[in-house]
Amino acid sequence: MRNDAFDALVIGAGVNGLSALYHLARLGVSRLGLVERFSIGHERGSSHGAARITRSAYTAPEYVRLMQWVHAEEWPRLEKDAGARLVHPNPGLFAGAPCEGFNSYIRAVEQEGVDVEVVTPDEARRLYPQFKLEGVERVLLDRTAGIVAASETMESLARLARVNGVRIFENTVVHGLDPGAEPVAVETSAGVLEAECLVVAAGAWAGQLLPFLKPRLQVVRQTVGYFVPPDNIDDYRPGRFPVCMYMGEEENDVFYGMPEFGRTGVKLARHVRYGRDDDPDDPPDSVAQYRIDDLHRFMAMLFSARGWTLAGAEHCLYTVSPNEDFIIDHHPQNPRIAIGAGFSGHGFKFAPLSGRLLAELAWEGKFSIPEAEMARRLFSLPDPLTT
């Protein structure tokens, strides 16, 4: 058997690429390959770190609906196959200034009838006295929310890939691909690889690999801080401290946080969506102090405690689409190539589903889940699309 020919090849070993491999194996695909620019589990992209938030509170009903499928079907299946607990239920507190953006969250969860309740700031403070909630009129309590054990998820998916016999090319750069070749040809630093079908899940490098995507994607480097409170740390652990988000009136005035989980400190970050286009190949040497100061200002507004200390910080990359909608679609020149891009900082919680959709598009040509087909308009590339 040729060692450069595959039934299915995946570019990118982030959470979506690894999830696509997991589902390709579930579909019965035998000759599987994975190409990763760095090593699996690296910290240069979007899938590293100890934890992520999962929730039902969303601005669009389609995402609210799909989260119910992810929570009920996809995460439990992955946990069973991995033999590991990956999602830890933990209530969510989502607060916002009186603005249209936050009102859209309320409308979407009310339309879908999920277990999310609108309460006053006073009611929220009674439940969680750690919060001050200045300038907030209404709060969403999301009882479906939780913490995703991100590092364990990545380790589990990588382990399943090896168990399923995936041939892995680490530290291998993809220089280009020929979508018109039969089979698809992928030029890499390890040579030309051929595949009957291909999944491109290249994260911040998607625009480099597929130039027609570049005008539709921004790479935005995020700064994540981990902070220790001056009082009892037990009050900021799962079960006593919710996953949380604040949405202000300005474009990038969105922050999120979660309990101490997997490493020292409460995780906090500003969700920066627009305003710059960072180079994924030119990471900064250190975390800028002004970004840490920005997070301290947010804590002073939202939290009751004073005197938080920094325990650590890191960067991650968002690859942001114009409307923050995922791109899960066929390559415009070849239906055997599935593209996953633009997960915009909220894709990890969906990964067991988005990986399934990418696998199905590449191998079977269509989604098998009606709820996903109903959301197809959100995920599709514009048509026509110039290459």
Protein backbone atom coordinates (compact mmCIF):
# COMPACT_ATOMS: atom_id res chain seq x y z
CA MET A 1 0.00 0.00 0.00
CA ARG A 2 1.31 3.45 -0.90
CA ASN A 3 2.30 5.54 2.11
CA ASP A 4 1.38 8.82 0.39
CA ALA A 5 -2.21 7.93 -0.63
CA PHE A 6 -5.26 8.17 1.63
CA ASP A 7 -8.98 7.71 1.53
CA ALA A 8 -9.27 10.86 3.64
CA LEU A 9 -6.67 13.41 4.66
CA VAL A 10 -7.12 16.16 7.27
CA ILE A 11 -5.06 19.36 7.35
CA GLY A 12 -4.79 20.76 10.86
CA ALA A 13 -4.65 19.01 14.24
CA GLY A 14 -6.66 21.54 16.19
CA VAL A 15 -9.86 20.44 17.86
CA ASN A 16 -11.88 20.56 14.62
CA GLY A 17 -9.34 18.62 12.58
CA LEU A 18 -8.99 15.94 15.25
CA SER A 19 -12.77 15.77 15.61
CA ALA A 20 -13.14 15.34 11.86
CA LEU A 21 -10.70 12.41 11.99
CA TYR A 22 -12.68 10.86 14.83
CA HIS A 23 -15.86 11.00 12.78
CA LEU A 24 -14.22 9.83 9.55
CA ALA A 25 -13.18 6.71 11.45
CA ARG A 26 -16.77 6.35 12.70
CA LEU A 27 -17.94 6.50 9.07
CA GLY A 28 -15.72 3.52 8.29
CA VAL A 29 -12.98 5.34 6.37
CA SER A 30 -9.87 3.19 6.57
CA ARG A 31 -6.82 4.98 5.15
CA LEU A 32 -6.68 8.18 7.21
CA GLY A 33 -3.95 10.82 7.34
CA LEU A 34 -3.32 14.00 9.32
CA VAL A 35 -0.97 16.85 8.45
CA GLU A 36 -0.03 19.30 11.23
CA ARG A 37 2.17 22.36 10.80
CA PHE A 38 3.58 22.03 14.33
CA SER A 39 3.33 19.19 16.86
CA ILE A 40 -0.02 17.93 18.14
CA GLY A 41 -1.03 19.92 21.21
CA HIS A 42 1.10 22.97 20.35
CA GLU A 43 0.33 26.42 21.79
CA ARG A 44 0.57 28.47 18.59
CA GLY A 45 -3.08 28.18 17.56
CA SER A 46 -6.59 28.13 19.00
CA SER A 47 -7.08 24.76 20.71
CA HIS A 48 -4.60 24.77 23.60
CA GLY A 49 -5.32 25.64 27.22
CA ALA A 50 -6.98 23.86 30.11
CA ALA A 51 -10.64 24.76 29.69
CA ARG A 52 -13.41 26.27 27.57
CA ILE A 53 -16.99 27.36 28.22
CA THR A 54 -20.03 25.54 26.91
CA ARG A 55 -23.48 27.12 27.00
CA SER A 56 -26.85 27.45 25.31
CA ALA A 57 -27.05 31.26 25.51
CA TYR A 58 -26.49 32.48 21.94
CA THR A 59 -27.63 35.33 19.74
CA ALA A 60 -28.95 33.12 16.91
CA PRO A 61 -31.64 30.45 17.39
CA GLU A 62 -29.74 28.07 15.09
CA TYR A 63 -26.76 27.97 17.44
CA VAL A 64 -29.02 27.56 20.48
CA ARG A 65 -30.68 24.61 18.73
CA LEU A 66 -27.40 23.01 17.70
CA MET A 67 -26.01 23.31 21.22
CA GLN A 68 -28.83 21.08 22.45
CA TRP A 69 -27.70 18.43 19.97
CA VAL A 70 -24.06 18.83 20.98
CA HIS A 71 -24.88 18.54 24.69
CA ALA A 72 -27.23 15.57 24.25
CA GLU A 73 -25.48 13.57 21.53
CA GLU A 74 -21.98 14.55 20.48
CA TRP A 75 -20.14 15.23 23.74
CA PRO A 76 -21.61 12.12 25.44
CA ARG A 77 -20.57 9.94 22.48
CA LEU A 78 -17.04 11.32 22.51
CA GLU A 79 -16.79 10.90 26.29
CA LYS A 80 -17.89 7.26 25.98
CA ASP A 81 -15.41 6.48 23.21
CA ALA A 82 -12.61 8.35 24.95
CA GLY A 83 -13.34 6.84 28.36
CA ALA A 84 -13.01 10.29 29.92
CA ARG A 85 -15.23 12.96 31.38
CA LEU A 86 -14.82 16.00 29.16
CA VAL A 87 -17.77 18.26 30.05
CA HIS A 88 -18.33 19.39 33.64
CA PRO A 89 -21.76 20.99 34.18
CA ASN A 90 -21.50 24.40 35.83
CA PRO A 91 -24.14 27.17 35.64
CA GLY A 92 -23.56 30.20 33.47
CA LEU A 93 -24.13 33.86 34.29
CA PHE A 94 -24.36 36.09 31.23
CA ALA A 95 -24.81 39.80 31.84
CA GLY A 96 -25.09 42.71 29.48
CA ALA A 97 -25.62 46.40 29.13
CA PRO A 98 -29.05 47.41 27.77
CA CYS A 99 -28.19 46.97 24.09
CA GLU A 100 -29.45 45.13 21.03
CA GLY A 101 -26.62 42.61 21.16
CA PHE A 102 -27.60 41.34 24.59
CA ASN A 103 -31.32 41.48 23.78
CA SER A 104 -30.70 39.07 20.90
CA TYR A 105 -29.43 36.50 23.42
CA ILE A 106 -32.67 36.80 25.35
CA ARG A 107 -34.85 36.45 22.25
CA ALA A 108 -32.97 33.40 20.98
CA VAL A 109 -33.13 31.38 24.21
CA GLU A 110 -36.78 32.30 24.76
CA GLN A 111 -37.64 31.25 21.20
CA GLU A 112 -35.97 27.86 21.64
CA GLY A 113 -37.34 27.23 25.14
CA VAL A 114 -34.04 26.08 26.66
CA ASP A 115 -33.21 26.02 30.36
CA VAL A 116 -32.04 29.63 30.51
CA GLU A 117 -33.78 32.13 32.79
CA VAL A 118 -33.81 35.93 32.69
CA VAL A 119 -33.30 37.42 36.17
CA THR A 120 -32.53 40.80 37.69
CA PRO A 121 -29.01 41.76 38.82
CA ASP A 122 -30.21 41.59 42.45
CA GLU A 123 -31.33 37.98 41.96
CA ALA A 124 -28.02 37.13 40.32
CA ARG A 125 -26.04 38.71 43.17
CA ARG A 126 -28.00 36.70 45.73
CA LEU A 127 -26.93 33.52 43.94
CA TYR A 128 -23.38 34.69 43.25
CA PRO A 129 -22.21 37.44 45.64
CA GLN A 130 -18.81 37.40 43.91
CA PHE A 131 -20.39 39.65 41.25
CA LYS A 132 -21.06 43.39 41.41
CA LEU A 133 -22.72 43.72 37.98
CA GLU A 134 -22.47 47.50 37.55
CA GLY A 135 -24.48 48.94 34.67
CA VAL A 136 -26.43 45.72 34.10
CA GLU A 137 -30.23 45.58 33.74
CA ARG A 138 -30.83 41.89 33.08
CA VAL A 139 -28.91 38.66 33.54
CA LEU A 140 -29.24 35.25 31.90
CA LEU A 141 -28.80 32.20 34.11
CA ASP A 142 -27.89 29.32 31.81
CA ARG A 143 -28.40 26.02 33.61
CA THR A 144 -27.13 24.08 30.59
CA ALA A 145 -23.68 25.67 30.78
CA GLY A 146 -20.47 24.00 31.81
CA ILE A 147 -16.72 23.70 31.54
CA VAL A 148 -15.10 21.73 28.74
CA ALA A 149 -11.85 20.06 29.78
CA ALA A 150 -10.04 21.31 26.69
CA SER A 151 -6.60 19.77 27.19
CA GLU A 152 -8.17 16.39 28.03
CA THR A 153 -10.37 16.67 24.94
CA MET A 154 -7.34 17.27 22.73
CA GLU A 155 -5.41 14.41 24.33
CA SER A 156 -8.40 12.08 23.94
CA LEU A 157 -8.93 12.93 20.27
CA ALA A 158 -5.21 12.50 19.52
CA ARG A 159 -5.23 9.15 21.29
CA LEU A 160 -8.29 8.01 19.32
CA ALA A 161 -6.59 9.06 16.08
CA ARG A 162 -3.64 6.81 16.88
CA VAL A 163 -5.92 3.95 17.94
CA ASN A 164 -7.76 4.31 14.61
CA GLY A 165 -4.50 3.95 12.69
CA VAL A 166 -4.23 7.53 11.44
CA ARG A 167 -0.90 8.24 9.77
CA ILE A 168 0.28 11.50 11.35
CA PHE A 169 2.63 14.02 9.73
CA GLU A 170 3.72 16.42 12.46
CA ASN A 171 5.91 19.49 11.86
CA THR A 172 4.86 19.31 8.23
CA VAL A 173 3.95 22.46 6.31
CA VAL A 174 1.31 22.38 3.57
CA HIS A 175 2.54 24.49 0.66
CA GLY A 176 -0.56 24.15 -1.48
CA LEU A 177 -3.21 21.85 -2.86
CA ASP A 178 -4.62 21.07 -6.28
CA PRO A 179 -8.41 20.80 -5.96
CA GLY A 180 -8.75 19.76 -9.59
CA ALA A 181 -6.51 16.72 -9.34
CA GLU A 182 -7.96 13.21 -9.22
CA PRO A 183 -7.31 12.29 -6.42
CA VAL A 184 -6.77 15.59 -4.61
CA ALA A 185 -3.07 16.45 -4.41
CA VAL A 186 -1.61 18.15 -1.34
CA GLU A 187 1.93 19.51 -1.60
CA THR A 188 3.73 19.36 1.76
CA SER A 189 7.25 19.64 3.13
CA ALA A 190 7.12 15.82 3.40
CA GLY A 191 6.21 15.42 -0.26
CA VAL A 192 2.99 15.25 -2.26
CA LEU A 193 0.12 13.42 -0.55
CA GLU A 194 -2.98 12.23 -2.39
CA ALA A 195 -6.47 11.82 -0.97
CA GLU A 196 -9.86 10.71 -2.21
CA CYS A 197 -11.33 13.40 0.05
CA LEU A 198 -9.84 16.20 2.10
CA VAL A 199 -10.78 18.22 5.20
CA VAL A 200 -9.08 21.60 5.58
CA ALA A 201 -9.17 22.74 9.21
CA ALA A 202 -6.08 24.93 9.21
CA GLY A 203 -7.21 27.53 11.73
CA ALA A 204 -5.33 30.83 11.48
CA TRP A 205 -3.46 29.50 8.44
CA ALA A 206 -6.64 28.82 6.42
CA GLY A 207 -6.37 32.08 4.49
CA GLN A 208 -2.79 31.31 3.50
CA LEU A 209 -3.71 27.86 2.22
CA LEU A 210 -6.96 28.91 0.53
CA PRO A 211 -6.43 32.50 -0.72
CA PHE A 212 -10.11 33.03 -1.57
CA LEU A 213 -10.80 32.82 2.19
CA LYS A 214 -8.30 35.50 3.16
CA PRO A 215 -10.60 38.52 2.57
CA ARG A 216 -13.26 36.79 4.67
CA LEU A 217 -11.13 36.00 7.72
CA GLN A 218 -9.30 38.04 10.33
CA VAL A 219 -6.70 36.53 12.63
CA VAL A 220 -7.00 38.19 16.04
CA ARG A 221 -4.60 37.30 18.84
CA GLN A 222 -6.26 37.15 22.26
CA THR A 223 -4.73 37.62 25.70
CA VAL A 224 -5.99 35.29 28.42
CA GLY A 225 -5.19 35.96 32.07
CA TYR A 226 -5.42 33.74 35.14
CA PHE A 227 -6.10 35.61 38.37
CA VAL A 228 -6.14 34.67 42.05
CA PRO A 229 -8.68 36.49 44.27
CA PRO A 230 -7.69 38.10 47.57
CA ASP A 231 -10.28 36.07 49.46
CA ASN A 232 -11.28 32.39 49.55
CA ILE A 233 -10.30 30.64 46.31
CA ASP A 234 -12.94 27.97 47.00
CA ASP A 235 -15.58 30.59 46.15
CA TYR A 236 -14.19 30.68 42.61
CA ARG A 237 -14.13 26.98 41.84
CA PRO A 238 -16.72 24.92 39.91
CA GLY A 239 -20.02 24.61 41.71
CA ARG A 240 -19.66 27.94 43.50
CA PHE A 241 -18.56 30.23 40.66
CA PRO A 242 -20.34 30.26 37.28
CA VAL A 243 -18.90 30.48 33.83
CA CYS A 244 -19.65 34.06 32.88
CA MET A 245 -19.78 36.63 30.12
CA TYR A 246 -20.38 40.36 29.94
CA MET A 247 -21.51 42.18 26.79
CA GLY A 248 -21.21 45.95 26.61
CA GLU A 249 -22.48 48.37 24.01
CA GLU A 250 -19.21 48.80 22.10
CA GLU A 251 -17.95 46.45 19.38
CA ASN A 252 -15.19 44.70 21.34
CA ASP A 253 -16.64 45.28 24.80
CA VAL A 254 -17.17 41.59 25.53
CA PHE A 255 -15.45 39.68 28.34
CA TYR A 256 -15.70 36.13 29.57
CA GLY A 257 -14.50 34.11 32.54
CA MET A 258 -14.68 30.73 34.20
CA PRO A 259 -13.82 29.10 37.52
CA GLU A 260 -10.37 27.88 38.42
CA PHE A 261 -10.03 24.64 36.46
CA GLY A 262 -6.97 22.74 35.36
CA ARG A 263 -4.51 25.42 36.41
CA THR A 264 -4.15 28.09 39.10
CA GLY A 265 -6.46 31.08 38.84
CA VAL A 266 -9.79 32.23 37.44
CA LYS A 267 -9.61 32.46 33.64
CA LEU A 268 -10.54 35.87 32.22
CA ALA A 269 -10.25 37.43 28.76
CA ARG A 270 -11.60 40.14 26.50
CA HIS A 271 -13.32 38.65 23.44
CA VAL A 272 -11.73 40.79 20.72
CA ARG A 273 -13.47 40.27 17.41
CA TYR A 274 -12.47 43.09 15.09
CA GLY A 275 -9.94 45.83 14.57
CA ARG A 276 -6.71 44.12 13.58
CA ASP A 277 -5.30 41.25 11.54
CA ASP A 278 -2.44 39.48 13.33
CA ASP A 279 0.22 37.32 11.73
CA PRO A 280 0.03 33.77 13.13
CA ASP A 281 3.67 33.22 12.12
CA ASP A 282 4.88 36.17 14.23
CA PRO A 283 3.84 35.49 17.84
CA PRO A 284 4.89 38.04 20.47
CA ASP A 285 7.64 37.14 22.91
CA SER A 286 5.53 38.04 25.95
CA VAL A 287 2.10 39.22 27.09
CA ALA A 288 1.75 43.00 26.97
CA GLN A 289 1.15 44.62 30.35
CA TYR A 290 -1.55 46.93 29.02
CA ARG A 291 -3.67 43.88 28.16
CA ILE A 292 -3.39 42.62 31.73
CA ASP A 293 -4.31 46.11 32.98
CA ASP A 294 -7.38 45.96 30.73
CA LEU A 295 -8.50 42.74 32.44
CA HIS A 296 -7.97 44.30 35.88
CA ARG A 297 -10.32 47.14 34.88
CA PHE A 298 -12.94 44.61 33.83
CA MET A 299 -12.69 42.77 37.16
CA ALA A 300 -13.15 46.04 39.05
CA MET A 301 -16.39 46.64 37.16
CA LEU A 302 -17.87 43.15 37.37
CA PHE A 303 -16.55 41.55 40.57
CA SER A 304 -16.96 42.47 44.23
CA ALA A 305 -13.47 41.49 45.39
CA ARG A 306 -10.47 43.82 45.08
CA GLY A 307 -6.77 43.06 44.89
CA TRP A 308 -6.65 40.20 42.39
CA THR A 309 -3.16 38.97 41.53
CA LEU A 310 -1.97 37.59 38.20
CA ALA A 311 -1.06 33.88 38.27
CA GLY A 312 -0.26 33.54 34.56
CA ALA A 313 -1.22 34.54 31.03
CA GLU A 314 -1.18 33.15 27.51
CA HIS A 315 -2.16 33.95 23.94
CA CYS A 316 -4.54 32.19 21.61
CA LEU A 317 -5.74 32.97 18.10
CA TYR A 318 -9.23 33.71 16.86
CA THR A 319 -9.89 33.30 13.15
CA VAL A 320 -12.94 35.51 12.76
CA SER A 321 -15.49 35.44 9.95
CA PRO A 322 -17.49 38.59 9.09
CA ASN A 323 -20.53 37.61 11.18
CA GLU A 324 -18.68 35.27 13.56
CA ASP A 325 -20.49 32.38 11.88
CA PHE A 326 -18.59 29.17 11.23
CA ILE A 327 -17.55 28.27 7.69
CA ILE A 328 -18.39 24.61 7.14
CA ASP A 329 -18.76 24.09 3.42
CA HIS A 330 -17.43 22.45 0.26
CA HIS A 331 -14.48 23.88 -1.63
CA PRO A 332 -16.00 25.84 -4.54
CA GLN A 333 -14.01 23.74 -7.04
CA ASN A 334 -14.34 20.30 -5.51
CA PRO A 335 -17.15 18.81 -3.38
CA ARG A 336 -14.71 16.20 -2.02
CA ILE A 337 -12.91 18.96 -0.12
CA ALA A 338 -14.60 20.20 3.07
CA ILE A 339 -13.52 23.49 4.62
CA GLY A 340 -13.80 24.32 8.31
CA ALA A 341 -12.74 27.88 9.17
CA GLY A 342 -13.73 31.06 10.97
CA PHE A 343 -14.69 29.46 14.27
CA SER A 344 -14.34 32.95 15.74
CA GLY A 345 -13.46 32.08 19.32
CA HIS A 346 -16.64 30.14 20.07
CA GLY A 347 -16.03 26.93 18.15
CA PHE A 348 -14.48 24.60 20.73
CA LYS A 349 -17.79 23.76 22.40
CA PHE A 350 -19.19 22.73 19.00
CA ALA A 351 -16.16 20.68 17.92
CA PRO A 352 -17.64 17.16 18.25
CA LEU A 353 -20.45 18.36 15.96
CA SER A 354 -18.46 20.54 13.56
CA GLY A 355 -15.96 17.72 13.15
CA ARG A 356 -18.82 15.40 12.28
CA LEU A 357 -20.19 17.86 9.73
CA LEU A 358 -16.79 18.25 8.09
CA ALA A 359 -16.35 14.48 7.91
CA GLU A 360 -19.80 14.00 6.42
CA LEU A 361 -19.34 16.75 3.83
CA ALA A 362 -16.01 15.35 2.67
CA TRP A 363 -16.95 11.66 2.66
CA GLU A 364 -20.72 11.62 2.02
CA GLY A 365 -21.33 15.05 0.49
CA LYS A 366 -24.04 16.18 2.91
CA PHE A 367 -25.01 16.65 6.55
CA SER A 368 -26.98 13.86 8.22
CA ILE A 369 -28.37 16.03 11.04
CA PRO A 370 -31.54 18.02 10.17
CA GLU A 371 -30.71 20.77 12.66
CA ALA A 372 -27.38 21.31 10.93
CA GLU A 373 -28.99 21.38 7.50
CA MET A 374 -31.36 24.07 8.81
CA ALA A 375 -28.29 26.13 9.78
CA ARG A 376 -26.61 25.66 6.39
CA ARG A 377 -27.17 29.29 5.41
CA LEU A 378 -24.99 30.39 8.33
CA PHE A 379 -22.15 28.03 7.45
CA SER A 380 -22.00 28.44 3.68
CA LEU A 381 -19.43 30.30 1.62
CA PRO A 382 -20.83 33.05 -0.64
CA ASP A 383 -21.88 31.91 -4.09
CA PRO A 384 -20.44 32.69 -6.55
CA LEU A 385 -16.97 32.73 -5.02
CA THR A 386 -13.87 33.66 -6.94
CA THR A 387 -10.74 31.61 -6.33
